[in-house]
Amino acid sequence: MEYSRFLDCLAADFARLRAVVPTDLRAPVPSCPGWTVADLTRHVADVYLHKTLAMREGAEPDPWPPKEFADEEPLALLDRAHAGLLDEFAARKPEDPAGSWYTPDQTVGFWIRRMAQETVIHRIDAELGTGQQVSPVPADLAIDGIDELLTVFVAYSVAGWGDYFTDILAGSPGRTYTVRTDGAAWRVRTGPGLFAVDGGADSGAGDDAADVTVSGPPTAVLRWMWNWEGAGEPAGVTVEGVPEAVEELRRCIVTATQ
């Protein structure tokens, strides 16, 4: 996807998020156990402010967050954070340097992509929490989101911080997974210390037999991949495979995205 496309998606999903959250700030968010919509709103604002400083200062700020954020009203904090994020994007080029936890990409473009994906997922969380219909995710954004989750989050985390996955993967017999949606497929291999991903858009990587197959429309598969405990399985997703293998994939995703 072009960076301009990510920014367009960010704008549309933020507008939806901002329209949804005021309807019931006290409602629980089923996809984020223990959070209310107000907590979700504050989290998105916190993320925007953190990434703004990562670009401005060239490194992710630590410690974080500042204590004064806790006293600011969630919607006001969200609006301020969003405005600051857009100002920072407007002042920089995608190829400009920016600090990030992802060593292979230390650019502003990494955060443009990441914030577009962050916003669409939390827009869905807000819709679930307020009981509103989940709006479709554009197919290109959903496919990119699946790819980002598998490669940037899980595969990179297992390779770089393997100790966090020892309890999940040390006893793995070595499994294969196919994640398939319209116009894209991924092949995942797991084993002790291993989470390898091949494929993506316009790929035939999911053609071979696998221990687990996850398939469905792009929006539904994206939601399944990010679906935190408590939200239920999104309609349209088919998951085939033994429960133990499905659980291994699930646990890797949860650990990588905590």
Protein backbone atom coordinates (compact mmCIF):
# COMPACT_ATOMS: atom_id res chain seq x y z
CA MET A 1 0.00 0.00 0.00
CA GLU A 2 1.08 3.56 -0.67
CA TYR A 3 1.63 5.78 2.36
CA SER A 4 -1.03 8.17 1.07
CA ARG A 5 -3.47 5.26 1.15
CA PHE A 6 -2.55 4.45 4.75
CA LEU A 7 -3.19 8.09 5.69
CA ASP A 8 -6.58 8.04 3.97
CA CYS A 9 -7.52 4.89 5.86
CA LEU A 10 -6.30 6.41 9.13
CA ALA A 11 -8.49 9.47 8.54
CA ALA A 12 -11.59 7.39 7.80
CA ASP A 13 -11.17 5.03 10.73
CA PHE A 14 -10.39 7.83 13.16
CA ALA A 15 -13.55 9.65 12.07
CA ARG A 16 -15.57 6.51 12.76
CA LEU A 17 -13.82 5.92 16.09
CA ARG A 18 -14.42 9.51 17.16
CA ALA A 19 -18.09 9.26 16.22
CA VAL A 20 -18.60 6.01 18.10
CA VAL A 21 -16.81 6.44 21.42
CA PRO A 22 -18.95 9.26 22.88
CA THR A 23 -22.10 7.12 22.67
CA ASP A 24 -21.19 5.14 25.80
CA LEU A 25 -17.81 5.75 27.41
CA ARG A 26 -18.69 3.49 30.34
CA ALA A 27 -19.51 0.42 28.24
CA PRO A 28 -17.20 -2.61 28.53
CA VAL A 29 -15.20 -3.57 25.47
CA PRO A 30 -15.59 -7.34 24.91
CA SER A 31 -12.46 -7.58 22.75
CA CYS A 32 -10.39 -5.84 25.46
CA PRO A 33 -11.30 -7.58 28.73
CA GLY A 34 -11.29 -5.20 31.69
CA TRP A 35 -11.48 -2.05 29.55
CA THR A 36 -14.33 0.38 29.12
CA VAL A 37 -14.76 2.52 26.01
CA ALA A 38 -13.17 5.37 27.99
CA ASP A 39 -10.13 3.18 28.68
CA LEU A 40 -9.93 2.33 24.99
CA THR A 41 -10.16 6.01 24.06
CA ARG A 42 -7.37 6.91 26.44
CA HIS A 43 -5.22 4.05 25.12
CA VAL A 44 -5.51 5.23 21.49
CA ALA A 45 -4.60 8.76 22.56
CA ASP A 46 -1.64 7.46 24.53
CA VAL A 47 -0.39 5.51 21.50
CA TYR A 48 -0.70 8.54 19.21
CA LEU A 49 1.21 10.76 21.62
CA HIS A 50 3.92 8.15 22.15
CA LYS A 51 4.52 7.69 18.42
CA THR A 52 4.50 11.45 17.82
CA LEU A 53 7.41 11.77 20.24
CA ALA A 54 9.17 8.75 18.70
CA MET A 55 9.24 10.64 15.42
CA ARG A 56 10.05 14.02 16.90
CA GLU A 57 12.85 12.81 19.18
CA GLY A 58 14.20 9.94 17.08
CA ALA A 59 13.62 7.37 19.81
CA GLU A 60 10.64 5.99 21.67
CA PRO A 61 10.12 7.92 24.92
CA ASP A 62 10.86 6.11 28.15
CA PRO A 63 9.47 6.19 30.81
CA TRP A 64 5.93 6.46 29.55
CA PRO A 65 3.18 7.69 29.94
CA PRO A 66 3.41 11.05 31.72
CA LYS A 67 1.35 11.12 34.91
CA GLU A 68 -0.60 14.19 33.84
CA PHE A 69 -2.38 12.23 31.09
CA ALA A 70 -4.47 10.48 33.75
CA ASP A 71 -6.17 13.76 34.66
CA GLU A 72 -7.15 14.75 31.12
CA GLU A 73 -10.63 13.97 29.85
CA PRO A 74 -10.43 11.00 27.40
CA LEU A 75 -12.04 12.66 24.38
CA ALA A 76 -10.03 15.85 24.78
CA LEU A 77 -6.85 13.78 25.09
CA LEU A 78 -7.78 11.80 21.99
CA ASP A 79 -8.42 14.93 19.92
CA ARG A 80 -5.17 16.54 21.04
CA ALA A 81 -3.16 13.38 20.36
CA HIS A 82 -4.67 12.86 16.92
CA ALA A 83 -4.01 16.45 15.88
CA GLY A 84 -0.40 16.17 17.01
CA LEU A 85 0.10 12.90 15.15
CA LEU A 86 -1.20 14.37 11.90
CA ASP A 87 0.98 17.46 12.31
CA GLU A 88 4.03 15.24 12.73
CA PHE A 89 3.19 13.17 9.67
CA ALA A 90 2.63 16.34 7.63
CA ALA A 91 6.01 17.76 8.66
CA ARG A 92 7.98 14.67 7.61
CA LYS A 93 8.51 12.34 4.69
CA PRO A 94 7.85 8.61 5.02
CA GLU A 95 11.53 7.85 4.52
CA ASP A 96 12.64 10.22 7.30
CA PRO A 97 14.20 8.50 10.34
CA ALA A 98 12.11 7.74 13.40
CA GLY A 99 12.70 5.58 16.43
CA SER A 100 10.76 2.32 16.61
CA TRP A 101 10.93 -1.06 18.30
CA TYR A 102 11.07 -2.73 14.87
CA THR A 103 14.74 -2.73 13.90
CA PRO A 104 14.25 -3.44 10.16
CA ASP A 105 12.26 -0.22 9.66
CA GLN A 106 13.25 2.91 11.60
CA THR A 107 11.28 5.40 9.50
CA VAL A 108 8.25 7.65 9.68
CA GLY A 109 6.64 5.35 7.12
CA PHE A 110 6.69 2.51 9.65
CA TRP A 111 4.56 4.62 11.99
CA ILE A 112 2.20 5.73 9.22
CA ARG A 113 1.45 2.09 8.52
CA ARG A 114 1.34 1.11 12.18
CA MET A 115 -1.04 3.93 13.16
CA ALA A 116 -3.40 3.14 10.30
CA GLN A 117 -3.55 -0.47 11.51
CA GLU A 118 -3.77 0.55 15.17
CA THR A 119 -6.71 2.80 14.42
CA VAL A 120 -8.75 0.33 12.41
CA ILE A 121 -8.42 -2.37 15.08
CA HIS A 122 -9.44 -0.03 17.88
CA ARG A 123 -12.25 1.41 15.76
CA ILE A 124 -13.61 -2.15 15.65
CA ASP A 125 -13.10 -2.47 19.43
CA ALA A 126 -15.11 0.72 19.93
CA GLU A 127 -17.92 -0.53 17.69
CA LEU A 128 -18.06 -3.81 19.61
CA GLY A 129 -18.05 -1.99 22.94
CA THR A 130 -20.87 0.38 22.02
CA GLY A 131 -22.95 -2.34 20.39
CA GLN A 132 -22.82 -0.89 16.91
CA GLN A 133 -22.40 -2.74 13.65
CA VAL A 134 -18.77 -3.27 12.73
CA SER A 135 -18.03 -1.32 9.56
CA PRO A 136 -16.19 -3.20 6.79
CA VAL A 137 -12.42 -2.79 6.55
CA PRO A 138 -11.16 -2.04 3.02
CA ALA A 139 -9.70 -5.24 1.57
CA ASP A 140 -6.24 -3.78 0.95
CA LEU A 141 -5.97 -2.48 4.52
CA ALA A 142 -7.22 -5.77 5.99
CA ILE A 143 -4.74 -7.82 3.93
CA ASP A 144 -1.92 -5.53 4.97
CA GLY A 145 -3.03 -5.81 8.59
CA ILE A 146 -2.91 -9.60 8.51
CA ASP A 147 0.56 -9.45 6.98
CA GLU A 148 1.76 -6.91 9.56
CA LEU A 149 0.50 -9.02 12.43
CA LEU A 150 2.14 -12.21 11.23
CA THR A 151 5.48 -10.77 10.08
CA VAL A 152 6.11 -7.56 12.03
CA PHE A 153 4.58 -8.65 15.32
CA VAL A 154 4.75 -12.41 15.70
CA ALA A 155 7.64 -13.59 13.51
CA TYR A 156 9.87 -10.67 14.52
CA SER A 157 9.03 -11.10 18.21
CA VAL A 158 9.74 -14.83 18.23
CA ALA A 159 13.08 -14.22 16.51
CA GLY A 160 14.07 -11.31 18.76
CA TRP A 161 12.50 -12.13 22.12
CA GLY A 162 12.26 -15.89 22.00
CA ASP A 163 12.21 -16.35 25.77
CA TYR A 164 8.67 -14.96 25.88
CA PHE A 165 7.50 -17.81 23.64
CA THR A 166 9.33 -20.70 25.27
CA ASP A 167 6.27 -21.99 27.11
CA ILE A 168 4.31 -21.94 23.85
CA LEU A 169 6.79 -23.27 21.31
CA ALA A 170 9.36 -25.35 23.21
CA GLY A 171 7.12 -28.41 23.08
CA SER A 172 5.71 -27.76 19.63
CA PRO A 173 5.89 -30.82 17.38
CA GLY A 174 6.37 -28.51 14.39
CA ARG A 175 3.15 -27.32 12.81
CA THR A 176 2.02 -25.65 9.61
CA TYR A 177 -0.70 -23.05 9.24
CA THR A 178 -2.42 -21.54 6.24
CA VAL A 179 -4.10 -18.16 6.56
CA ARG A 180 -6.10 -17.47 3.42
CA THR A 181 -8.32 -14.62 2.28
CA ASP A 182 -9.38 -13.01 -0.99
CA GLY A 183 -6.25 -12.31 -3.03
CA ALA A 184 -3.74 -13.27 -0.35
CA ALA A 185 -2.38 -16.28 1.54
CA TRP A 186 0.29 -16.92 4.14
CA ARG A 187 2.11 -20.08 5.19
CA VAL A 188 3.26 -20.22 8.80
CA ARG A 189 5.63 -22.82 10.26
CA THR A 190 6.14 -23.21 13.99
CA GLY A 191 8.44 -25.29 16.13
CA PRO A 192 10.80 -24.81 19.09
CA GLY A 193 12.01 -21.21 18.75
CA LEU A 194 10.45 -20.92 15.29
CA PHE A 195 7.68 -18.83 13.76
CA ALA A 196 8.36 -18.46 10.03
CA VAL A 197 6.03 -16.73 7.57
CA ASP A 198 5.90 -16.82 3.78
CA GLY A 199 3.41 -15.33 1.38
CA GLY A 200 1.18 -12.27 1.33
CA ALA A 201 -0.86 -10.55 -1.35
CA ASP A 202 -1.16 -12.39 -4.67
CA SER A 203 0.60 -15.40 -3.18
CA GLY A 204 0.01 -19.11 -3.56
CA ALA A 205 1.70 -19.80 -0.24
CA GLY A 206 -1.41 -21.40 1.21
CA ASP A 207 -1.97 -24.03 -1.50
CA ASP A 208 -0.40 -26.97 0.35
CA ALA A 209 -2.09 -28.96 3.12
CA ALA A 210 -1.63 -27.59 6.63
CA ASP A 211 -2.35 -28.59 10.21
CA VAL A 212 -4.58 -25.53 10.62
CA THR A 213 -6.33 -23.42 8.00
CA VAL A 214 -7.90 -20.05 8.77
CA SER A 215 -9.91 -18.63 5.89
CA GLY A 216 -12.55 -16.04 5.11
CA PRO A 217 -13.09 -12.51 3.80
CA PRO A 218 -10.30 -10.01 4.62
CA THR A 219 -12.20 -8.11 7.33
CA ALA A 220 -13.27 -11.30 9.09
CA VAL A 221 -9.79 -12.86 9.02
CA LEU A 222 -8.21 -9.64 10.30
CA ARG A 223 -10.70 -9.57 13.17
CA TRP A 224 -10.04 -13.24 13.97
CA MET A 225 -6.29 -12.66 14.02
CA TRP A 226 -6.58 -9.69 16.40
CA ASN A 227 -9.59 -10.93 18.34
CA TRP A 228 -8.76 -10.56 22.02
CA GLU A 229 -10.36 -13.04 24.41
CA GLY A 230 -14.02 -12.32 25.06
CA ALA A 231 -15.23 -10.94 21.71
CA GLY A 232 -16.30 -14.21 20.11
CA GLU A 233 -15.45 -15.42 16.63
CA PRO A 234 -16.33 -13.02 13.79
CA ALA A 235 -18.83 -14.27 11.24
CA GLY A 236 -17.40 -15.53 7.99
CA VAL A 237 -14.23 -17.13 9.33
CA THR A 238 -13.60 -20.86 8.97
CA VAL A 239 -10.98 -22.44 11.25
CA GLU A 240 -10.02 -26.03 10.49
CA GLY A 241 -7.54 -28.01 12.56
CA VAL A 242 -7.02 -29.61 15.95
CA PRO A 243 -7.70 -27.29 18.90
CA GLU A 244 -4.17 -27.69 20.30
CA ALA A 245 -2.64 -26.37 17.09
CA VAL A 246 -5.10 -23.48 16.88
CA GLU A 247 -4.30 -22.61 20.49
CA GLU A 248 -0.57 -22.55 19.70
CA LEU A 249 -1.14 -19.92 17.01
CA ARG A 250 -3.48 -17.95 19.23
CA ARG A 251 -1.02 -17.88 22.12
CA CYS A 252 1.81 -16.70 19.86
CA ILE A 253 -0.36 -13.84 18.61
CA VAL A 254 -1.48 -12.80 22.09
CA THR A 255 2.07 -12.87 23.45
CA ALA A 256 3.42 -10.83 20.54
CA THR A 257 0.74 -8.16 20.78
CA GLN A 258 0.48 -7.63 24.54
